[in-house]
Amino acid sequence: MGKQWEIDGVAVTAHGIPDMTEGEARGYVAYVRERVPDPVARIGICPAEGGNVELRYETRHRKFERIRRITGYLVGTIDRWNNAKKAEERERVKHG
């Protein structure tokens, strides 16, 4: 199985590297985070040729808010609209 750590919300597993320390694993977490724009969920560290390591990682998808153009306005949700504007949106012909 290998060594396992939970480092700043990232599940880290080192396979085939019995002498790896948690400090080294923290360094790899920082390395991946610097290069990957999405939040990192898991990192697997394995030995590679020439004394290097192979890093395999999974990311969490970022949540996003859908923005639509409705009646000339860019909006995310219509929950703050008054009843007349909500009715206007409901009665529109949807295209696409």
PDB file of N, CA and C in Angstrom:
ATOM      1  N   MET A   1       0.822  -1.191   0.000  1.00  0.00           N
ATOM      2  CA  MET A   1       0.000   0.000   0.000  1.00  0.00           C
ATOM      3  C   MET A   1       0.863   1.251   0.000  1.00  0.00           C
ATOM      4  N   GLY A   2       1.817   1.364   0.884  1.00  0.00           N
ATOM      5  CA  GLY A   2       2.686   2.528   0.939  1.00  0.00           C
ATOM      6  C   GLY A   2       2.349   3.427   2.113  1.00  0.00           C
ATOM      7  N   LYS A   3       3.151   4.473   2.251  1.00  0.00           N
ATOM      8  CA  LYS A   3       2.911   5.450   3.306  1.00  0.00           C
ATOM      9  C   LYS A   3       1.806   6.399   2.889  1.00  0.00           C
ATOM     10  N   GLN A   4       1.013   6.834   3.877  1.00  0.00           N
ATOM     11  CA  GLN A   4      -0.101   7.727   3.585  1.00  0.00           C
ATOM     12  C   GLN A   4      -0.110   8.887   4.569  1.00  0.00           C
ATOM     13  N   TRP A   5      -0.472  10.060   4.043  1.00  0.00           N
ATOM     14  CA  TRP A   5      -0.636  11.255   4.862  1.00  0.00           C
ATOM     15  C   TRP A   5      -1.849  12.022   4.371  1.00  0.00           C
ATOM     16  N   GLU A   6      -2.389  12.859   5.251  1.00  0.00           N
ATOM     17  CA  GLU A   6      -3.400  13.850   4.898  1.00  0.00           C
ATOM     18  C   GLU A   6      -2.706  15.198   5.122  1.00  0.00           C
ATOM     19  N   ILE A   7      -2.393  15.892   4.037  1.00  0.00           N
ATOM     20  CA  ILE A   7      -1.628  17.132   4.121  1.00  0.00           C
ATOM     21  C   ILE A   7      -2.466  18.271   3.556  1.00  0.00           C
ATOM     22  N   ASP A   8      -2.887  19.163   4.417  1.00  0.00           N
ATOM     23  CA  ASP A   8      -3.669  20.340   4.017  1.00  0.00           C
ATOM     24  C   ASP A   8      -4.845  19.970   3.113  1.00  0.00           C
ATOM     25  N   GLY A   9      -5.572  18.906   3.475  1.00  0.00           N
ATOM     26  CA  GLY A   9      -6.740  18.496   2.712  1.00  0.00           C
ATOM     27  C   GLY A   9      -6.440  17.652   1.491  1.00  0.00           C
ATOM     28  N   VAL A  10      -5.184  17.266   1.293  1.00  0.00           N
ATOM     29  CA  VAL A  10      -4.788  16.438   0.149  1.00  0.00           C
ATOM     30  C   VAL A  10      -4.372  15.065   0.665  1.00  0.00           C
ATOM     31  N   ALA A  11      -4.962  14.005   0.090  1.00  0.00           N
ATOM     32  CA  ALA A  11      -4.585  12.637   0.438  1.00  0.00           C
ATOM     33  C   ALA A  11      -3.328  12.278  -0.351  1.00  0.00           C
ATOM     34  N   VAL A  12      -2.252  11.982   0.365  1.00  0.00           N
ATOM     35  CA  VAL A  12      -0.962  11.691  -0.269  1.00  0.00           C
ATOM     36  C   VAL A  12      -0.575  10.254   0.040  1.00  0.00           C
ATOM     37  N   THR A  13      -0.169   9.514  -1.004  1.00  0.00           N
ATOM     38  CA  THR A  13       0.311   8.144  -0.841  1.00  0.00           C
ATOM     39  C   THR A  13       1.639   7.997  -1.558  1.00  0.00           C
ATOM     40  N   ALA A  14       2.630   7.454  -0.851  1.00  0.00           N
ATOM     41  CA  ALA A  14       3.942   7.178  -1.440  1.00  0.00           C
ATOM     42  C   ALA A  14       4.071   5.672  -1.620  1.00  0.00           C
ATOM     43  N   HIS A  15       4.135   5.233  -2.872  1.00  0.00           N
ATOM     44  CA  HIS A  15       4.258   3.809  -3.198  1.00  0.00           C
ATOM     45  C   HIS A  15       5.716   3.499  -3.526  1.00  0.00           C
ATOM     46  N   GLY A  16       6.275   2.478  -2.892  1.00  0.00           N
ATOM     47  CA  GLY A  16       7.620   2.030  -3.238  1.00  0.00           C
ATOM     48  C   GLY A  16       8.729   2.973  -2.808  1.00  0.00           C
ATOM     49  N   ILE A  17       8.445   3.881  -1.885  1.00  0.00           N
ATOM     50  CA  ILE A  17       9.474   4.789  -1.366  1.00  0.00           C
ATOM     51  C   ILE A  17       9.382   4.726   0.166  1.00  0.00           C
ATOM     52  N   PRO A  18       9.929   3.688   0.772  1.00  0.00           N
ATOM     53  CA  PRO A  18       9.735   3.473   2.209  1.00  0.00           C
ATOM     54  C   PRO A  18      10.379   4.528   3.098  1.00  0.00           C
ATOM     55  N   ASP A  19      11.389   5.247   2.596  1.00  0.00           N
ATOM     56  CA  ASP A  19      12.067   6.228   3.449  1.00  0.00           C
ATOM     57  C   ASP A  19      11.552   7.662   3.262  1.00  0.00           C
ATOM     58  N   MET A  20      10.463   7.840   2.541  1.00  0.00           N
ATOM     59  CA  MET A  20       9.927   9.190   2.338  1.00  0.00           C
ATOM     60  C   MET A  20       9.367   9.727   3.649  1.00  0.00           C
ATOM     61  N   THR A  21       9.655  10.998   3.904  1.00  0.00           N
ATOM     62  CA  THR A  21       9.173  11.648   5.112  1.00  0.00           C
ATOM     63  C   THR A  21       7.938  12.499   4.797  1.00  0.00           C
ATOM     64  N   GLU A  22       7.226  12.875   5.847  1.00  0.00           N
ATOM     65  CA  GLU A  22       6.069  13.743   5.656  1.00  0.00           C
ATOM     66  C   GLU A  22       6.508  15.107   5.115  1.00  0.00           C
ATOM     67  N   GLY A  23       7.679  15.559   5.513  1.00  0.00           N
ATOM     68  CA  GLY A  23       8.199  16.830   4.999  1.00  0.00           C
ATOM     69  C   GLY A  23       8.407  16.799   3.493  1.00  0.00           C
ATOM     70  N   GLU A  24       8.942  15.690   2.987  1.00  0.00           N
ATOM     71  CA  GLU A  24       9.106  15.546   1.534  1.00  0.00           C
ATOM     72  C   GLU A  24       7.746  15.534   0.840  1.00  0.00           C
ATOM     73  N   ALA A  25       6.793  14.819   1.445  1.00  0.00           N
ATOM     74  CA  ALA A  25       5.453  14.759   0.868  1.00  0.00           C
ATOM     75  C   ALA A  25       4.830  16.153   0.822  1.00  0.00           C
ATOM     76  N   ARG A  26       5.033  16.962   1.857  1.00  0.00           N
ATOM     77  CA  ARG A  26       4.546  18.344   1.862  1.00  0.00           C
ATOM     78  C   ARG A  26       5.152  19.140   0.706  1.00  0.00           C
ATOM     79  N   GLY A  27       6.405  18.896   0.434  1.00  0.00           N
ATOM     80  CA  GLY A  27       7.068  19.572  -0.685  1.00  0.00           C
ATOM     81  C   GLY A  27       6.428  19.216  -2.020  1.00  0.00           C
ATOM     82  N   TYR A  28       6.082  17.950  -2.196  1.00  0.00           N
ATOM     83  CA  TYR A  28       5.421  17.540  -3.441  1.00  0.00           C
ATOM     84  C   TYR A  28       4.015  18.131  -3.556  1.00  0.00           C
ATOM     85  N   VAL A  29       3.311  18.234  -2.423  1.00  0.00           N
ATOM     86  CA  VAL A  29       1.993  18.872  -2.445  1.00  0.00           C
ATOM     87  C   VAL A  29       2.131  20.318  -2.898  1.00  0.00           C
ATOM     88  N   ALA A  30       3.105  21.032  -2.344  1.00  0.00           N
ATOM     89  CA  ALA A  30       3.330  22.431  -2.733  1.00  0.00           C
ATOM     90  C   ALA A  30       3.714  22.525  -4.209  1.00  0.00           C
ATOM     91  N   TYR A  31       4.544  21.597  -4.682  1.00  0.00           N
ATOM     92  CA  TYR A  31       4.981  21.578  -6.085  1.00  0.00           C
ATOM     93  C   TYR A  31       3.785  21.439  -7.027  1.00  0.00           C
ATOM     94  N   VAL A  32       2.896  20.490  -6.728  1.00  0.00           N
ATOM     95  CA  VAL A  32       1.731  20.263  -7.591  1.00  0.00           C
ATOM     96  C   VAL A  32       0.782  21.461  -7.522  1.00  0.00           C
ATOM     97  N   ARG A  33       0.550  21.989  -6.328  1.00  0.00           N
ATOM     98  CA  ARG A  33      -0.368  23.123  -6.187  1.00  0.00           C
ATOM     99  C   ARG A  33       0.101  24.358  -6.957  1.00  0.00           C
ATOM    100  N   GLU A  34       1.409  24.539  -7.065  1.00  0.00           N
ATOM    101  CA  GLU A  34       1.950  25.675  -7.819  1.00  0.00           C
ATOM    102  C   GLU A  34       1.662  25.554  -9.307  1.00  0.00           C
ATOM    103  N   ARG A  35       1.496  24.346  -9.793  1.00  0.00           N
ATOM    104  CA  ARG A  35       1.384  24.105 -11.230  1.00  0.00           C
ATOM    105  C   ARG A  35      -0.016  23.748 -11.710  1.00  0.00           C
ATOM    106  N   VAL A  36      -0.934  23.486 -10.791  1.00  0.00           N
ATOM    107  CA  VAL A  36      -2.274  23.036 -11.158  1.00  0.00           C
ATOM    108  C   VAL A  36      -3.288  24.071 -10.676  1.00  0.00           C
ATOM    109  N   PRO A  37      -4.122  24.600 -11.584  1.00  0.00           N
ATOM    110  CA  PRO A  37      -5.057  25.651 -11.176  1.00  0.00           C
ATOM    111  C   PRO A  37      -6.231  25.173 -10.325  1.00  0.00           C
ATOM    112  N   ASP A  38      -6.648  23.920 -10.470  1.00  0.00           N
ATOM    113  CA  ASP A  38      -7.786  23.397  -9.715  1.00  0.00           C
ATOM    114  C   ASP A  38      -7.325  22.866  -8.359  1.00  0.00           C
ATOM    115  N   PRO A  39      -8.221  22.807  -7.373  1.00  0.00           N
ATOM    116  CA  PRO A  39      -7.860  22.260  -6.062  1.00  0.00           C
ATOM    117  C   PRO A  39      -7.454  20.786  -6.168  1.00  0.00           C
ATOM    118  N   VAL A  40      -6.367  20.421  -5.527  1.00  0.00           N
ATOM    119  CA  VAL A  40      -5.826  19.060  -5.594  1.00  0.00           C
ATOM    120  C   VAL A  40      -6.501  18.196  -4.534  1.00  0.00           C
ATOM    121  N   ALA A  41      -6.982  17.015  -4.926  1.00  0.00           N
ATOM    122  CA  ALA A  41      -7.645  16.089  -4.005  1.00  0.00           C
ATOM    123  C   ALA A  41      -6.691  14.999  -3.522  1.00  0.00           C
ATOM    124  N   ARG A  42      -5.933  14.399  -4.462  1.00  0.00           N
ATOM    125  CA  ARG A  42      -5.048  13.268  -4.144  1.00  0.00           C
ATOM    126  C   ARG A  42      -3.749  13.374  -4.929  1.00  0.00           C
ATOM    127  N   ILE A  43      -2.675  12.881  -4.295  1.00  0.00           N
ATOM    128  CA  ILE A  43      -1.385  12.791  -4.983  1.00  0.00           C
ATOM    129  C   ILE A  43      -0.806  11.411  -4.682  1.00  0.00           C
ATOM    130  N   GLY A  44      -0.357  10.724  -5.731  1.00  0.00           N
ATOM    131  CA  GLY A  44       0.361   9.471  -5.599  1.00  0.00           C
ATOM    132  C   GLY A  44       1.803   9.693  -6.026  1.00  0.00           C
ATOM    133  N   ILE A  45       2.737   9.245  -5.214  1.00  0.00           N
ATOM    134  CA  ILE A  45       4.157   9.432  -5.486  1.00  0.00           C
ATOM    135  C   ILE A  45       4.780   8.058  -5.659  1.00  0.00           C
ATOM    136  N   CYS A  46       5.419   7.837  -6.820  1.00  0.00           N
ATOM    137  CA  CYS A  46       6.031   6.547  -7.140  1.00  0.00           C
ATOM    138  C   CYS A  46       7.454   6.777  -7.632  1.00  0.00           C
ATOM    139  N   PRO A  47       8.349   5.798  -7.440  1.00  0.00           N
ATOM    140  CA  PRO A  47       9.693   5.945  -7.983  1.00  0.00           C
ATOM    141  C   PRO A  47       9.682   5.875  -9.506  1.00  0.00           C
ATOM    142  N   ALA A  48      10.599   6.619 -10.118  1.00  0.00           N
ATOM    143  CA  ALA A  48      10.759   6.614 -11.570  1.00  0.00           C
ATOM    144  C   ALA A  48      12.245   6.421 -11.887  1.00  0.00           C
ATOM    145  N   GLU A  49      12.559   6.348 -13.161  1.00  0.00           N
ATOM    146  CA  GLU A  49      13.951   6.119 -13.578  1.00  0.00           C
ATOM    147  C   GLU A  49      14.849   7.282 -13.177  1.00  0.00           C
ATOM    148  N   GLY A  50      16.108   6.973 -12.951  1.00  0.00           N
ATOM    149  CA  GLY A  50      17.109   7.999 -12.685  1.00  0.00           C
ATOM    150  C   GLY A  50      16.988   8.647 -11.318  1.00  0.00           C
ATOM    151  N   GLY A  51      16.346   7.962 -10.376  1.00  0.00           N
ATOM    152  CA  GLY A  51      16.206   8.523  -9.041  1.00  0.00           C
ATOM    153  C   GLY A  51      15.120   9.578  -8.925  1.00  0.00           C
ATOM    154  N   ASN A  52      14.343   9.752  -9.966  1.00  0.00           N
ATOM    155  CA  ASN A  52      13.243  10.714  -9.941  1.00  0.00           C
ATOM    156  C   ASN A  52      11.987  10.074  -9.361  1.00  0.00           C
ATOM    157  N   VAL A  53      10.942  10.867  -9.222  1.00  0.00           N
ATOM    158  CA  VAL A  53       9.651  10.349  -8.800  1.00  0.00           C
ATOM    159  C   VAL A  53       8.607  10.709  -9.840  1.00  0.00           C
ATOM    160  N   GLU A  54       7.567   9.901  -9.890  1.00  0.00           N
ATOM    161  CA  GLU A  54       6.419  10.178 -10.744  1.00  0.00           C
ATOM    162  C   GLU A  54       5.287  10.641  -9.843  1.00  0.00           C
ATOM    163  N   LEU A  55       4.684  11.767 -10.196  1.00  0.00           N
ATOM    164  CA  LEU A  55       3.579  12.313  -9.420  1.00  0.00           C
ATOM    165  C   LEU A  55       2.292  12.128 -10.205  1.00  0.00           C
ATOM    166  N   ARG A  56       1.336  11.472  -9.608  1.00  0.00           N
ATOM    167  CA  ARG A  56       0.001  11.334 -10.202  1.00  0.00           C
ATOM    168  C   ARG A  56      -0.965  12.030  -9.271  1.00  0.00           C
ATOM    169  N   TYR A  57      -1.821  12.863  -9.831  1.00  0.00           N
ATOM    170  CA  TYR A  57      -2.720  13.619  -8.971  1.00  0.00           C
ATOM    171  C   TYR A  57      -4.117  13.688  -9.568  1.00  0.00           C
ATOM    172  N   GLU A  58      -5.084  13.896  -8.688  1.00  0.00           N
ATOM    173  CA  GLU A  58      -6.481  14.113  -9.066  1.00  0.00           C
ATOM    174  C   GLU A  58      -6.894  15.453  -8.496  1.00  0.00           C
ATOM    175  N   THR A  59      -7.748  16.146  -9.227  1.00  0.00           N
ATOM    176  CA  THR A  59      -8.219  17.444  -8.753  1.00  0.00           C
ATOM    177  C   THR A  59      -9.716  17.407  -8.471  1.00  0.00           C
ATOM    178  N   ARG A  60     -10.154  18.336  -7.655  1.00  0.00           N
ATOM    179  CA  ARG A  60     -11.591  18.556  -7.430  1.00  0.00           C
ATOM    180  C   ARG A  60     -12.002  19.619  -8.427  1.00  0.00           C
ATOM    181  N   HIS A  61     -13.168  19.461  -8.972  1.00  0.00           N
ATOM    182  CA  HIS A  61     -13.654  20.476  -9.897  1.00  0.00           C
ATOM    183  C   HIS A  61     -14.137  21.679  -9.108  1.00  0.00           C
ATOM    184  N   ARG A  62     -13.833  22.845  -9.622  1.00  0.00           N
ATOM    185  CA  ARG A  62     -14.293  24.069  -8.975  1.00  0.00           C
ATOM    186  C   ARG A  62     -15.779  24.257  -9.225  1.00  0.00           C
ATOM    187  N   LYS A  63     -16.454  24.750  -8.224  1.00  0.00           N
ATOM    188  CA  LYS A  63     -17.857  25.079  -8.402  1.00  0.00           C
ATOM    189  C   LYS A  63     -17.928  26.384  -9.179  1.00  0.00           C
ATOM    190  N   PHE A  64     -18.923  26.487 -10.015  1.00  0.00           N
ATOM    191  CA  PHE A  64     -19.078  27.726 -10.757  1.00  0.00           C
ATOM    192  C   PHE A  64     -20.546  28.104 -10.786  1.00  0.00           C
ATOM    193  N   GLU A  65     -20.768  29.378 -10.977  1.00  0.00           N
ATOM    194  CA  GLU A  65     -22.123  29.881 -11.065  1.00  0.00           C
ATOM    195  C   GLU A  65     -22.433  30.165 -12.525  1.00  0.00           C
ATOM    196  N   ARG A  66     -23.545  29.658 -12.979  1.00  0.00           N
ATOM    197  CA  ARG A  66     -23.959  29.868 -14.360  1.00  0.00           C
ATOM    198  C   ARG A  66     -24.457  31.302 -14.510  1.00  0.00           C
ATOM    199  N   ILE A  67     -23.936  31.995 -15.489  1.00  0.00           N
ATOM    200  CA  ILE A  67     -24.364  33.361 -15.788  1.00  0.00           C
ATOM    201  C   ILE A  67     -25.125  33.318 -17.104  1.00  0.00           C
ATOM    202  N   ARG A  68     -26.321  33.901 -17.100  1.00  0.00           N
ATOM    203  CA  ARG A  68     -27.137  33.933 -18.312  1.00  0.00           C
ATOM    204  C   ARG A  68     -27.487  35.379 -18.641  1.00  0.00           C
ATOM    205  N   ARG A  69     -27.777  35.611 -19.891  1.00  0.00           N
ATOM    206  CA  ARG A  69     -28.267  36.921 -20.294  1.00  0.00           C
ATOM    207  C   ARG A  69     -29.781  36.808 -20.438  1.00  0.00           C
ATOM    208  N   ILE A  70     -30.501  37.469 -19.542  1.00  0.00           N
ATOM    209  CA  ILE A  70     -31.961  37.419 -19.544  1.00  0.00           C
ATOM    210  C   ILE A  70     -32.473  38.851 -19.593  1.00  0.00           C
ATOM    211  N   THR A  71     -33.313  39.100 -20.533  1.00  0.00           N
ATOM    212  CA  THR A  71     -33.946  40.417 -20.713  1.00  0.00           C
ATOM    213  C   THR A  71     -32.924  41.551 -20.646  1.00  0.00           C
ATOM    214  N   GLY A  72     -31.764  41.311 -21.247  1.00  0.00           N
ATOM    215  CA  GLY A  72     -30.750  42.352 -21.335  1.00  0.00           C
ATOM    216  C   GLY A  72     -29.811  42.443 -20.145  1.00  0.00           C
ATOM    217  N   TYR A  73     -29.955  41.580 -19.144  1.00  0.00           N
ATOM    218  CA  TYR A  73     -29.116  41.626 -17.951  1.00  0.00           C
ATOM    219  C   TYR A  73     -28.333  40.326 -17.809  1.00  0.00           C
ATOM    220  N   LEU A  74     -27.099  40.418 -17.329  1.00  0.00           N
ATOM    221  CA  LEU A  74     -26.328  39.229 -16.989  1.00  0.00           C
ATOM    222  C   LEU A  74     -26.668  38.867 -15.551  1.00  0.00           C
ATOM    223  N   VAL A  75     -27.205  37.661 -15.361  1.00  0.00           N
ATOM    224  CA  VAL A  75     -27.630  37.242 -14.021  1.00  0.00           C
ATOM    225  C   VAL A  75     -27.184  35.810 -13.748  1.00  0.00           C
ATOM    226  N   GLY A  76     -26.954  35.529 -12.474  1.00  0.00           N
ATOM    227  CA  GLY A  76     -26.658  34.166 -12.069  1.00  0.00           C
ATOM    228  C   GLY A  76     -27.937  33.445 -11.695  1.00  0.00           C
ATOM    229  N   THR A  77     -28.732  34.053 -10.851  1.00  0.00           N
ATOM    230  CA  THR A  77     -30.015  33.488 -10.448  1.00  0.00           C
ATOM    231  C   THR A  77     -31.059  34.602 -10.491  1.00  0.00           C
ATOM    232  N   ILE A  78     -32.299  34.185 -10.483  1.00  0.00           N
ATOM    233  CA  ILE A  78     -33.365  35.185 -10.525  1.00  0.00           C
ATOM    234  C   ILE A  78     -34.106  35.262  -9.190  1.00  0.00           C
ATOM    235  N   ASP A  79     -33.526  34.704  -8.153  1.00  0.00           N
ATOM    236  CA  ASP A  79     -34.215  34.656  -6.865  1.00  0.00           C
ATOM    237  C   ASP A  79     -34.439  36.039  -6.254  1.00  0.00           C
ATOM    238  N   ARG A  80     -33.703  37.050  -6.664  1.00  0.00           N
ATOM    239  CA  ARG A  80     -33.880  38.395  -6.115  1.00  0.00           C
ATOM    240  C   ARG A  80     -34.763  39.274  -7.006  1.00  0.00           C
ATOM    241  N   TRP A  81     -35.277  38.719  -8.073  1.00  0.00           N
ATOM    242  CA  TRP A  81     -36.151  39.490  -8.961  1.00  0.00           C
ATOM    243  C   TRP A  81     -37.545  39.610  -8.357  1.00  0.00           C
ATOM    244  N   ASN A  82     -38.264  40.654  -8.762  1.00  0.00           N
ATOM    245  CA  ASN A  82     -39.646  40.784  -8.310  1.00  0.00           C
ATOM    246  C   ASN A  82     -40.533  39.837  -9.127  1.00  0.00           C
ATOM    247  N   ASN A  83     -41.780  39.689  -8.713  1.00  0.00           N
ATOM    248  CA  ASN A  83     -42.693  38.722  -9.340  1.00  0.00           C
ATOM    249  C   ASN A  83     -42.928  39.025 -10.814  1.00  0.00           C
ATOM    250  N   ALA A  84     -43.022  40.287 -11.190  1.00  0.00           N
ATOM    251  CA  ALA A  84     -43.269  40.645 -12.589  1.00  0.00           C
ATOM    252  C   ALA A  84     -42.103  40.213 -13.474  1.00  0.00           C
ATOM    253  N   LYS A  85     -40.874  40.457 -13.015  1.00  0.00           N
ATOM    254  CA  LYS A  85     -39.697  40.089 -13.804  1.00  0.00           C
ATOM    255  C   LYS A  85     -39.571  38.566 -13.876  1.00  0.00           C
ATOM    256  N   LYS A  86     -39.888  37.842 -12.782  1.00  0.00           N
ATOM    257  CA  LYS A  86     -39.858  36.377 -12.802  1.00  0.00           C
ATOM    258  C   LYS A  86     -40.889  35.834 -13.785  1.00  0.00           C
ATOM    259  N   ALA A  87     -42.086  36.426 -13.820  1.00  0.00           N
ATOM    260  CA  ALA A  87     -43.121  35.995 -14.766  1.00  0.00           C
ATOM    261  C   ALA A  87     -42.670  36.240 -16.199  1.00  0.00           C
ATOM    262  N   GLU A  88     -42.014  37.382 -16.431  1.00  0.00           N
ATOM    263  CA  GLU A  88     -41.505  37.682 -17.776  1.00  0.00           C
ATOM    264  C   GLU A  88     -40.497  36.624 -18.220  1.00  0.00           C
ATOM    265  N   GLU A  89     -39.632  36.214 -17.314  1.00  0.00           N
ATOM    266  CA  GLU A  89     -38.628  35.192 -17.645  1.00  0.00           C
ATOM    267  C   GLU A  89     -39.298  33.854 -17.918  1.00  0.00           C
ATOM    268  N   ARG A  90     -40.296  33.485 -17.120  1.00  0.00           N
ATOM    269  CA  ARG A  90     -41.019  32.210 -17.275  1.00  0.00           C
ATOM    270  C   ARG A  90     -41.737  32.128 -18.627  1.00  0.00           C
ATOM    271  N   GLU A  91     -42.269  33.265 -19.106  1.00  0.00           N
ATOM    272  CA  GLU A  91     -43.064  33.298 -20.313  1.00  0.00           C
ATOM    273  C   GLU A  91     -42.240  33.446 -21.582  1.00  0.00           C
ATOM    274  N   ARG A  92     -40.961  33.638 -21.447  1.00  0.00           N
ATOM    275  CA  ARG A  92     -40.108  33.800 -22.634  1.00  0.00           C
ATOM    276  C   ARG A  92     -40.041  32.506 -23.430  1.00  0.00           C
ATOM    277  N   VAL A  93     -39.858  32.627 -24.729  1.00  0.00           N
ATOM    278  CA  VAL A  93     -39.646  31.455 -25.575  1.00  0.00           C
ATOM    279  C   VAL A  93     -38.178  31.062 -25.457  1.00  0.00           C
ATOM    280  N   LYS A  94     -37.938  29.828 -25.058  1.00  0.00           N
ATOM    281  CA  LYS A  94     -36.572  29.355 -24.875  1.00  0.00           C
ATOM    282  C   LYS A  94     -36.021  28.865 -26.219  1.00  0.00           C
ATOM    283  N   HIS A  95     -34.826  29.291 -26.559  1.00  0.00           N
ATOM    284  CA  HIS A  95     -34.172  28.879 -27.792  1.00  0.00           C
ATOM    285  C   HIS A  95     -32.933  28.067 -27.449  1.00  0.00           C
ATOM    286  N   GLY A  96     -32.634  27.079 -28.275  1.00  0.00           N
ATOM    287  CA  GLY A  96     -31.374  26.356 -28.145  1.00  0.00           C
ATOM    288  C   GLY A  96     -31.468  25.205 -27.289  1.00  0.00           C
TER     289      GLY A  96
END
